[in-house]
Amino acid sequence: MARLIYKPFGLIVSVLGGLLARRIFKRVWSVVRHQEEAPKATDESTGWHEVVLAAAAEGAVFGGVKALIDRAGATGFAWLTGAWPGRRREP
């Protein structure tokens, strides 16, 4: 039952996490590379190295933020309801 109740809560938390991840990545990229926007794979004037670096950095930021947000959401949900929304470790 907890998983069913958690679905809409988790969806909202995930969307907010995605928005946060995008802002964090843009900030990190602008600080590290001194560019406002990361290159797209279809940018002709950008080399392979920079395109792959941007994609890897973006994936790392999104993955880290998603894990952080999902875990915080599950912990908050468990605190509010007393039920963990995901799998539990078997004793």
PDB file of N, CA and C in Angstrom:
ATOM      1  N   MET A   1       0.815  -1.198   0.000  1.00  0.00           N
ATOM      2  CA  MET A   1       0.000   0.000   0.000  1.00  0.00           C
ATOM      3  C   MET A   1       0.865   1.271   0.000  1.00  0.00           C
ATOM      4  N   ALA A   2       1.978   1.205   0.752  1.00  0.00           N
ATOM      5  CA  ALA A   2       2.855   2.378   0.827  1.00  0.00           C
ATOM      6  C   ALA A   2       3.413   2.742  -0.545  1.00  0.00           C
ATOM      7  N   ARG A   3       3.735   1.741  -1.356  1.00  0.00           N
ATOM      8  CA  ARG A   3       4.277   2.020  -2.694  1.00  0.00           C
ATOM      9  C   ARG A   3       3.255   2.737  -3.563  1.00  0.00           C
ATOM     10  N   LEU A   4       2.001   2.356  -3.457  1.00  0.00           N
ATOM     11  CA  LEU A   4       0.939   2.977  -4.247  1.00  0.00           C
ATOM     12  C   LEU A   4       0.761   4.439  -3.852  1.00  0.00           C
ATOM     13  N   ILE A   5       0.782   4.708  -2.572  1.00  0.00           N
ATOM     14  CA  ILE A   5       0.649   6.079  -2.083  1.00  0.00           C
ATOM     15  C   ILE A   5       1.884   6.898  -2.445  1.00  0.00           C
ATOM     16  N   TYR A   6       3.040   6.264  -2.462  1.00  0.00           N
ATOM     17  CA  TYR A   6       4.298   6.961  -2.733  1.00  0.00           C
ATOM     18  C   TYR A   6       4.437   7.386  -4.193  1.00  0.00           C
ATOM     19  N   LYS A   7       3.781   6.673  -5.116  1.00  0.00           N
ATOM     20  CA  LYS A   7       3.954   6.957  -6.557  1.00  0.00           C
ATOM     21  C   LYS A   7       3.767   8.432  -6.904  1.00  0.00           C
ATOM     22  N   PRO A   8       2.624   9.078  -6.593  1.00  0.00           N
ATOM     23  CA  PRO A   8       2.489  10.497  -6.963  1.00  0.00           C
ATOM     24  C   PRO A   8       3.484  11.398  -6.227  1.00  0.00           C
ATOM     25  N   PHE A   9       3.743  11.079  -4.966  1.00  0.00           N
ATOM     26  CA  PHE A   9       4.722  11.837  -4.186  1.00  0.00           C
ATOM     27  C   PHE A   9       6.107  11.729  -4.823  1.00  0.00           C
ATOM     28  N   GLY A  10       6.498  10.516  -5.179  1.00  0.00           N
ATOM     29  CA  GLY A  10       7.799  10.279  -5.803  1.00  0.00           C
ATOM     30  C   GLY A  10       7.929  10.958  -7.157  1.00  0.00           C
ATOM     31  N   LEU A  11       6.830  10.997  -7.918  1.00  0.00           N
ATOM     32  CA  LEU A  11       6.844  11.647  -9.227  1.00  0.00           C
ATOM     33  C   LEU A  11       7.109  13.148  -9.087  1.00  0.00           C
ATOM     34  N   ILE A  12       6.428  13.765  -8.151  1.00  0.00           N
ATOM     35  CA  ILE A  12       6.622  15.204  -7.936  1.00  0.00           C
ATOM     36  C   ILE A  12       8.051  15.488  -7.480  1.00  0.00           C
ATOM     37  N   VAL A  13       8.550  14.676  -6.560  1.00  0.00           N
ATOM     38  CA  VAL A  13       9.918  14.851  -6.064  1.00  0.00           C
ATOM     39  C   VAL A  13      10.921  14.661  -7.201  1.00  0.00           C
ATOM     40  N   SER A  14      10.683  13.692  -8.076  1.00  0.00           N
ATOM     41  CA  SER A  14      11.596  13.441  -9.205  1.00  0.00           C
ATOM     42  C   SER A  14      11.631  14.607 -10.186  1.00  0.00           C
ATOM     43  N   VAL A  15      10.476  15.184 -10.476  1.00  0.00           N
ATOM     44  CA  VAL A  15      10.427  16.333 -11.392  1.00  0.00           C
ATOM     45  C   VAL A  15      11.196  17.505 -10.799  1.00  0.00           C
ATOM     46  N   LEU A  16      10.974  17.765  -9.527  1.00  0.00           N
ATOM     47  CA  LEU A  16      11.705  18.852  -8.871  1.00  0.00           C
ATOM     48  C   LEU A  16      13.208  18.564  -8.845  1.00  0.00           C
ATOM     49  N   GLY A  17      13.574  17.307  -8.655  1.00  0.00           N
ATOM     50  CA  GLY A  17      14.980  16.925  -8.694  1.00  0.00           C
ATOM     51  C   GLY A  17      15.606  17.152 -10.055  1.00  0.00           C
ATOM     52  N   GLY A  18      14.852  16.858 -11.118  1.00  0.00           N
ATOM     53  CA  GLY A  18      15.347  17.101 -12.470  1.00  0.00           C
ATOM     54  C   GLY A  18      15.601  18.572 -12.734  1.00  0.00           C
ATOM     55  N   LEU A  19      14.689  19.409 -12.260  1.00  0.00           N
ATOM     56  CA  LEU A  19      14.875  20.857 -12.413  1.00  0.00           C
ATOM     57  C   LEU A  19      16.099  21.338 -11.634  1.00  0.00           C
ATOM     58  N   LEU A  20      16.257  20.821 -10.425  1.00  0.00           N
ATOM     59  CA  LEU A  20      17.418  21.174  -9.615  1.00  0.00           C
ATOM     60  C   LEU A  20      18.713  20.697 -10.276  1.00  0.00           C
ATOM     61  N   ALA A  21      18.713  19.484 -10.805  1.00  0.00           N
ATOM     62  CA  ALA A  21      19.902  18.940 -11.463  1.00  0.00           C
ATOM     63  C   ALA A  21      20.301  19.782 -12.666  1.00  0.00           C
ATOM     64  N   ARG A  22      19.324  20.223 -13.439  1.00  0.00           N
ATOM     65  CA  ARG A  22      19.624  21.058 -14.605  1.00  0.00           C
ATOM     66  C   ARG A  22      20.301  22.354 -14.174  1.00  0.00           C
ATOM     67  N   ARG A  23      19.798  22.976 -13.112  1.00  0.00           N
ATOM     68  CA  ARG A  23      20.398  24.226 -12.632  1.00  0.00           C
ATOM     69  C   ARG A  23      21.819  24.001 -12.114  1.00  0.00           C
ATOM     70  N   ILE A  24      22.008  22.898 -11.386  1.00  0.00           N
ATOM     71  CA  ILE A  24      23.338  22.591 -10.856  1.00  0.00           C
ATOM     72  C   ILE A  24      24.320  22.341 -11.995  1.00  0.00           C
ATOM     73  N   PHE A  25      23.904  21.559 -12.999  1.00  0.00           N
ATOM     74  CA  PHE A  25      24.794  21.270 -14.115  1.00  0.00           C
ATOM     75  C   PHE A  25      25.163  22.549 -14.868  1.00  0.00           C
ATOM     76  N   LYS A  26      24.190  23.414 -15.121  1.00  0.00           N
ATOM     77  CA  LYS A  26      24.490  24.658 -15.834  1.00  0.00           C
ATOM     78  C   LYS A  26      25.494  25.496 -15.049  1.00  0.00           C
ATOM     79  N   ARG A  27      25.335  25.527 -13.735  1.00  0.00           N
ATOM     80  CA  ARG A  27      26.258  26.300 -12.896  1.00  0.00           C
ATOM     81  C   ARG A  27      27.654  25.689 -12.930  1.00  0.00           C
ATOM     82  N   VAL A  28      27.731  24.375 -12.773  1.00  0.00           N
ATOM     83  CA  VAL A  28      29.027  23.686 -12.789  1.00  0.00           C
ATOM     84  C   VAL A  28      29.718  23.888 -14.138  1.00  0.00           C
ATOM     85  N   TRP A  29      28.978  23.718 -15.230  1.00  0.00           N
ATOM     86  CA  TRP A  29      29.571  23.866 -16.559  1.00  0.00           C
ATOM     87  C   TRP A  29      30.080  25.288 -16.776  1.00  0.00           C
ATOM     88  N   SER A  30      29.315  26.280 -16.341  1.00  0.00           N
ATOM     89  CA  SER A  30      29.739  27.660 -16.560  1.00  0.00           C
ATOM     90  C   SER A  30      30.980  28.002 -15.728  1.00  0.00           C
ATOM     91  N   VAL A  31      31.113  27.403 -14.555  1.00  0.00           N
ATOM     92  CA  VAL A  31      32.288  27.655 -13.720  1.00  0.00           C
ATOM     93  C   VAL A  31      33.515  26.939 -14.283  1.00  0.00           C
ATOM     94  N   VAL A  32      33.352  25.680 -14.666  1.00  0.00           N
ATOM     95  CA  VAL A  32      34.481  24.871 -15.112  1.00  0.00           C
ATOM     96  C   VAL A  32      34.941  25.254 -16.512  1.00  0.00           C
ATOM     97  N   ARG A  33      34.011  25.411 -17.440  1.00  0.00           N
ATOM     98  CA  ARG A  33      34.379  25.660 -18.840  1.00  0.00           C
ATOM     99  C   ARG A  33      34.228  27.120 -19.269  1.00  0.00           C
ATOM    100  N   HIS A  34      33.716  27.972 -18.411  1.00  0.00           N
ATOM    101  CA  HIS A  34      33.511  29.387 -18.724  1.00  0.00           C
ATOM    102  C   HIS A  34      32.636  29.586 -19.960  1.00  0.00           C
ATOM    103  N   GLN A  35      31.610  28.752 -20.067  1.00  0.00           N
ATOM    104  CA  GLN A  35      30.625  28.850 -21.146  1.00  0.00           C
ATOM    105  C   GLN A  35      29.239  28.783 -20.522  1.00  0.00           C
ATOM    106  N   GLU A  36      28.287  29.526 -21.090  1.00  0.00           N
ATOM    107  CA  GLU A  36      26.934  29.506 -20.546  1.00  0.00           C
ATOM    108  C   GLU A  36      26.235  28.182 -20.806  1.00  0.00           C
ATOM    109  N   GLU A  37      26.412  27.626 -21.977  1.00  0.00           N
ATOM    110  CA  GLU A  37      25.728  26.398 -22.367  1.00  0.00           C
ATOM    111  C   GLU A  37      26.733  25.295 -22.674  1.00  0.00           C
ATOM    112  N   ALA A  38      26.376  24.080 -22.310  1.00  0.00           N
ATOM    113  CA  ALA A  38      27.197  22.924 -22.684  1.00  0.00           C
ATOM    114  C   ALA A  38      26.961  22.633 -24.161  1.00  0.00           C
ATOM    115  N   PRO A  39      27.965  22.122 -24.859  1.00  0.00           N
ATOM    116  CA  PRO A  39      27.784  21.835 -26.281  1.00  0.00           C
ATOM    117  C   PRO A  39      26.822  20.675 -26.504  1.00  0.00           C
ATOM    118  N   LYS A  40      26.087  20.749 -27.575  1.00  0.00           N
ATOM    119  CA  LYS A  40      25.196  19.667 -27.993  1.00  0.00           C
ATOM    120  C   LYS A  40      25.991  18.722 -28.895  1.00  0.00           C
ATOM    121  N   ALA A  41      25.550  17.502 -29.000  1.00  0.00           N
ATOM    122  CA  ALA A  41      26.245  16.517 -29.835  1.00  0.00           C
ATOM    123  C   ALA A  41      26.234  16.922 -31.303  1.00  0.00           C
ATOM    124  N   THR A  42      25.286  17.748 -31.692  1.00  0.00           N
ATOM    125  CA  THR A  42      25.170  18.151 -33.099  1.00  0.00           C
ATOM    126  C   THR A  42      25.864  19.478 -33.411  1.00  0.00           C
ATOM    127  N   ASP A  43      26.547  20.068 -32.424  1.00  0.00           N
ATOM    128  CA  ASP A  43      27.294  21.305 -32.679  1.00  0.00           C
ATOM    129  C   ASP A  43      28.515  20.984 -33.535  1.00  0.00           C
ATOM    130  N   GLU A  44      28.511  21.496 -34.751  1.00  0.00           N
ATOM    131  CA  GLU A  44      29.585  21.174 -35.696  1.00  0.00           C
ATOM    132  C   GLU A  44      30.937  21.713 -35.246  1.00  0.00           C
ATOM    133  N   SER A  45      30.950  22.850 -34.583  1.00  0.00           N
ATOM    134  CA  SER A  45      32.220  23.483 -34.226  1.00  0.00           C
ATOM    135  C   SER A  45      32.841  22.916 -32.942  1.00  0.00           C
ATOM    136  N   THR A  46      32.170  21.969 -32.313  1.00  0.00           N
ATOM    137  CA  THR A  46      32.671  21.398 -31.062  1.00  0.00           C
ATOM    138  C   THR A  46      33.245  20.014 -31.317  1.00  0.00           C
ATOM    139  N   GLY A  47      34.405  19.751 -30.726  1.00  0.00           N
ATOM    140  CA  GLY A  47      35.053  18.456 -30.917  1.00  0.00           C
ATOM    141  C   GLY A  47      34.420  17.352 -30.078  1.00  0.00           C
ATOM    142  N   TRP A  48      34.797  16.124 -30.437  1.00  0.00           N
ATOM    143  CA  TRP A  48      34.285  14.934 -29.744  1.00  0.00           C
ATOM    144  C   TRP A  48      34.589  14.995 -28.255  1.00  0.00           C
ATOM    145  N   HIS A  49      35.796  15.381 -27.930  1.00  0.00           N
ATOM    146  CA  HIS A  49      36.237  15.390 -26.536  1.00  0.00           C
ATOM    147  C   HIS A  49      35.303  16.240 -25.670  1.00  0.00           C
ATOM    148  N   GLU A  50      35.018  17.452 -26.105  1.00  0.00           N
ATOM    149  CA  GLU A  50      34.185  18.354 -25.306  1.00  0.00           C
ATOM    150  C   GLU A  50      32.731  17.885 -25.248  1.00  0.00           C
ATOM    151  N   VAL A  51      32.218  17.341 -26.339  1.00  0.00           N
ATOM    152  CA  VAL A  51      30.842  16.840 -26.352  1.00  0.00           C
ATOM    153  C   VAL A  51      30.693  15.665 -25.383  1.00  0.00           C
ATOM    154  N   VAL A  52      31.644  14.737 -25.424  1.00  0.00           N
ATOM    155  CA  VAL A  52      31.586  13.576 -24.531  1.00  0.00           C
ATOM    156  C   VAL A  52      31.806  14.006 -23.080  1.00  0.00           C
ATOM    157  N   LEU A  53      32.714  14.935 -22.841  1.00  0.00           N
ATOM    158  CA  LEU A  53      32.938  15.453 -21.498  1.00  0.00           C
ATOM    159  C   LEU A  53      31.665  16.094 -20.942  1.00  0.00           C
ATOM    160  N   ALA A  54      30.990  16.891 -21.754  1.00  0.00           N
ATOM    161  CA  ALA A  54      29.746  17.538 -21.321  1.00  0.00           C
ATOM    162  C   ALA A  54      28.670  16.506 -21.007  1.00  0.00           C
ATOM    163  N   ALA A  55      28.538  15.498 -21.858  1.00  0.00           N
ATOM    164  CA  ALA A  55      27.529  14.465 -21.628  1.00  0.00           C
ATOM    165  C   ALA A  55      27.823  13.661 -20.364  1.00  0.00           C
ATOM    166  N   ALA A  56      29.083  13.330 -20.143  1.00  0.00           N
ATOM    167  CA  ALA A  56      29.457  12.569 -18.948  1.00  0.00           C
ATOM    168  C   ALA A  56      29.231  13.395 -17.678  1.00  0.00           C
ATOM    169  N   ALA A  57      29.598  14.662 -17.724  1.00  0.00           N
ATOM    170  CA  ALA A  57      29.390  15.537 -16.564  1.00  0.00           C
ATOM    171  C   ALA A  57      27.898  15.707 -16.276  1.00  0.00           C
ATOM    172  N   GLU A  58      27.128  15.883 -17.323  1.00  0.00           N
ATOM    173  CA  GLU A  58      25.680  16.038 -17.151  1.00  0.00           C
ATOM    174  C   GLU A  58      25.067  14.767 -16.564  1.00  0.00           C
ATOM    175  N   GLY A  59      25.490  13.616 -17.047  1.00  0.00           N
ATOM    176  CA  GLY A  59      24.992  12.344 -16.522  1.00  0.00           C
ATOM    177  C   GLY A  59      25.371  12.150 -15.061  1.00  0.00           C
ATOM    178  N   ALA A  60      26.584  12.523 -14.698  1.00  0.00           N
ATOM    179  CA  ALA A  60      27.030  12.380 -13.313  1.00  0.00           C
ATOM    180  C   ALA A  60      26.220  13.286 -12.386  1.00  0.00           C
ATOM    181  N   VAL A  61      26.015  14.518 -12.804  1.00  0.00           N
ATOM    182  CA  VAL A  61      25.236  15.447 -11.979  1.00  0.00           C
ATOM    183  C   VAL A  61      23.802  14.958 -11.850  1.00  0.00           C
ATOM    184  N   PHE A  62      23.178  14.571 -12.969  1.00  0.00           N
ATOM    185  CA  PHE A  62      21.797  14.110 -12.924  1.00  0.00           C
ATOM    186  C   PHE A  62      21.669  12.841 -12.089  1.00  0.00           C
ATOM    187  N   GLY A  63      22.590  11.909 -12.232  1.00  0.00           N
ATOM    188  CA  GLY A  63      22.542  10.676 -11.456  1.00  0.00           C
ATOM    189  C   GLY A  63      22.702  10.928  -9.966  1.00  0.00           C
ATOM    190  N   GLY A  64      23.636  11.778  -9.617  1.00  0.00           N
ATOM    191  CA  GLY A  64      23.866  12.101  -8.211  1.00  0.00           C
ATOM    192  C   GLY A  64      22.685  12.818  -7.582  1.00  0.00           C
ATOM    193  N   VAL A  65      22.158  13.813  -8.285  1.00  0.00           N
ATOM    194  CA  VAL A  65      21.012  14.559  -7.759  1.00  0.00           C
ATOM    195  C   VAL A  65      19.791  13.654  -7.670  1.00  0.00           C
ATOM    196  N   LYS A  66      19.581  12.798  -8.664  1.00  0.00           N
ATOM    197  CA  LYS A  66      18.438  11.885  -8.634  1.00  0.00           C
ATOM    198  C   LYS A  66      18.521  10.953  -7.430  1.00  0.00           C
ATOM    199  N   ALA A  67      19.692  10.384  -7.180  1.00  0.00           N
ATOM    200  CA  ALA A  67      19.864   9.499  -6.028  1.00  0.00           C
ATOM    201  C   ALA A  67      19.620  10.255  -4.720  1.00  0.00           C
ATOM    202  N   LEU A  68      20.158  11.455  -4.620  1.00  0.00           N
ATOM    203  CA  LEU A  68      19.979  12.264  -3.426  1.00  0.00           C
ATOM    204  C   LEU A  68      18.507  12.596  -3.198  1.00  0.00           C
ATOM    205  N   ILE A  69      17.828  13.047  -4.240  1.00  0.00           N
ATOM    206  CA  ILE A  69      16.425  13.441  -4.131  1.00  0.00           C
ATOM    207  C   ILE A  69      15.541  12.227  -3.854  1.00  0.00           C
ATOM    208  N   ASP A  70      15.766  11.119  -4.565  1.00  0.00           N
ATOM    209  CA  ASP A  70      14.961   9.915  -4.350  1.00  0.00           C
ATOM    210  C   ASP A  70      15.116   9.395  -2.929  1.00  0.00           C
ATOM    211  N   ARG A  71      16.349   9.383  -2.435  1.00  0.00           N
ATOM    212  CA  ARG A  71      16.582   8.890  -1.079  1.00  0.00           C
ATOM    213  C   ARG A  71      15.956   9.822  -0.047  1.00  0.00           C
ATOM    214  N   ALA A  72      16.097  11.114  -0.238  1.00  0.00           N
ATOM    215  CA  ALA A  72      15.494  12.077   0.688  1.00  0.00           C
ATOM    216  C   ALA A  72      13.968  11.971   0.657  1.00  0.00           C
ATOM    217  N   GLY A  73      13.402  11.781  -0.537  1.00  0.00           N
ATOM    218  CA  GLY A  73      11.952  11.627  -0.645  1.00  0.00           C
ATOM    219  C   GLY A  73      11.463  10.372   0.053  1.00  0.00           C
ATOM    220  N   ALA A  74      12.176   9.261  -0.128  1.00  0.00           N
ATOM    221  CA  ALA A  74      11.791   8.010   0.521  1.00  0.00           C
ATOM    222  C   ALA A  74      11.923   8.122   2.038  1.00  0.00           C
ATOM    223  N   THR A  75      12.989   8.763   2.497  1.00  0.00           N
ATOM    224  CA  THR A  75      13.190   8.947   3.930  1.00  0.00           C
ATOM    225  C   THR A  75      12.104   9.842   4.523  1.00  0.00           C
ATOM    226  N   GLY A  76      11.784  10.925   3.830  1.00  0.00           N
ATOM    227  CA  GLY A  76      10.716  11.815   4.289  1.00  0.00           C
ATOM    228  C   GLY A  76       9.361  11.125   4.310  1.00  0.00           C
ATOM    229  N   PHE A  77       9.087  10.344   3.272  1.00  0.00           N
ATOM    230  CA  PHE A  77       7.833   9.601   3.207  1.00  0.00           C
ATOM    231  C   PHE A  77       7.750   8.607   4.365  1.00  0.00           C
ATOM    232  N   ALA A  78       8.832   7.904   4.637  1.00  0.00           N
ATOM    233  CA  ALA A  78       8.850   6.946   5.739  1.00  0.00           C
ATOM    234  C   ALA A  78       8.667   7.654   7.084  1.00  0.00           C
ATOM    235  N   TRP A  79       9.258   8.815   7.220  1.00  0.00           N
ATOM    236  CA  TRP A  79       9.119   9.581   8.455  1.00  0.00           C
ATOM    237  C   TRP A  79       7.668  10.015   8.663  1.00  0.00           C
ATOM    238  N   LEU A  80       7.022  10.454   7.558  1.00  0.00           N
ATOM    239  CA  LEU A  80       5.630  10.914   7.655  1.00  0.00           C
ATOM    240  C   LEU A  80       4.632   9.779   7.866  1.00  0.00           C
ATOM    241  N   THR A  81       4.854   8.652   7.187  1.00  0.00           N
ATOM    242  CA  THR A  81       3.861   7.572   7.193  1.00  0.00           C
ATOM    243  C   THR A  81       4.247   6.374   8.040  1.00  0.00           C
ATOM    244  N   GLY A  82       5.514   6.210   8.342  1.00  0.00           N
ATOM    245  CA  GLY A  82       5.971   5.037   9.064  1.00  0.00           C
ATOM    246  C   GLY A  82       6.189   3.822   8.176  1.00  0.00           C
ATOM    247  N   ALA A  83       6.035   3.973   6.855  1.00  0.00           N
ATOM    248  CA  ALA A  83       6.204   2.855   5.914  1.00  0.00           C
ATOM    249  C   ALA A  83       7.261   3.227   4.882  1.00  0.00           C
ATOM    250  N   TRP A  84       8.226   2.339   4.680  1.00  0.00           N
ATOM    251  CA  TRP A  84       9.266   2.552   3.667  1.00  0.00           C
ATOM    252  C   TRP A  84       8.671   2.243   2.295  1.00  0.00           C
ATOM    253  N   PRO A  85       8.818   3.135   1.304  1.00  0.00           N
ATOM    254  CA  PRO A  85       8.157   2.955   0.014  1.00  0.00           C
ATOM    255  C   PRO A  85       8.834   1.988  -0.951  1.00  0.00           C
ATOM    256  N   GLY A  86      10.022   1.537  -0.653  1.00  0.00           N
ATOM    257  CA  GLY A  86      10.758   0.664  -1.574  1.00  0.00           C
ATOM    258  C   GLY A  86      11.006  -0.691  -0.976  1.00  0.00           C
ATOM    259  N   ARG A  87      11.964  -1.383  -1.565  1.00  0.00           N
ATOM    260  CA  ARG A  87      12.337  -2.705  -1.071  1.00  0.00           C
ATOM    261  C   ARG A  87      13.027  -2.598   0.266  1.00  0.00           C
ATOM    262  N   ARG A  88      12.781  -3.592   1.077  1.00  0.00           N
ATOM    263  CA  ARG A  88      13.441  -3.685   2.375  1.00  0.00           C
ATOM    264  C   ARG A  88      14.447  -4.827   2.346  1.00  0.00           C
ATOM    265  N   ARG A  89      15.493  -4.674   3.111  1.00  0.00           N
ATOM    266  CA  ARG A  89      16.515  -5.705   3.210  1.00  0.00           C
ATOM    267  C   ARG A  89      15.937  -6.868   4.023  1.00  0.00           C
ATOM    268  N   GLU A  90      16.148  -8.057   3.511  1.00  0.00           N
ATOM    269  CA  GLU A  90      15.679  -9.266   4.216  1.00  0.00           C
ATOM    270  C   GLU A  90      16.643  -9.565   5.361  1.00  0.00           C
ATOM    271  N   PRO A  91      16.125  -9.920   6.562  1.00  0.00           N
ATOM    272  CA  PRO A  91      17.009 -10.220   7.700  1.00  0.00           C
ATOM    273  C   PRO A  91      17.770 -11.511   7.515  1.00  0.00           C
TER     274      PRO A  91
END
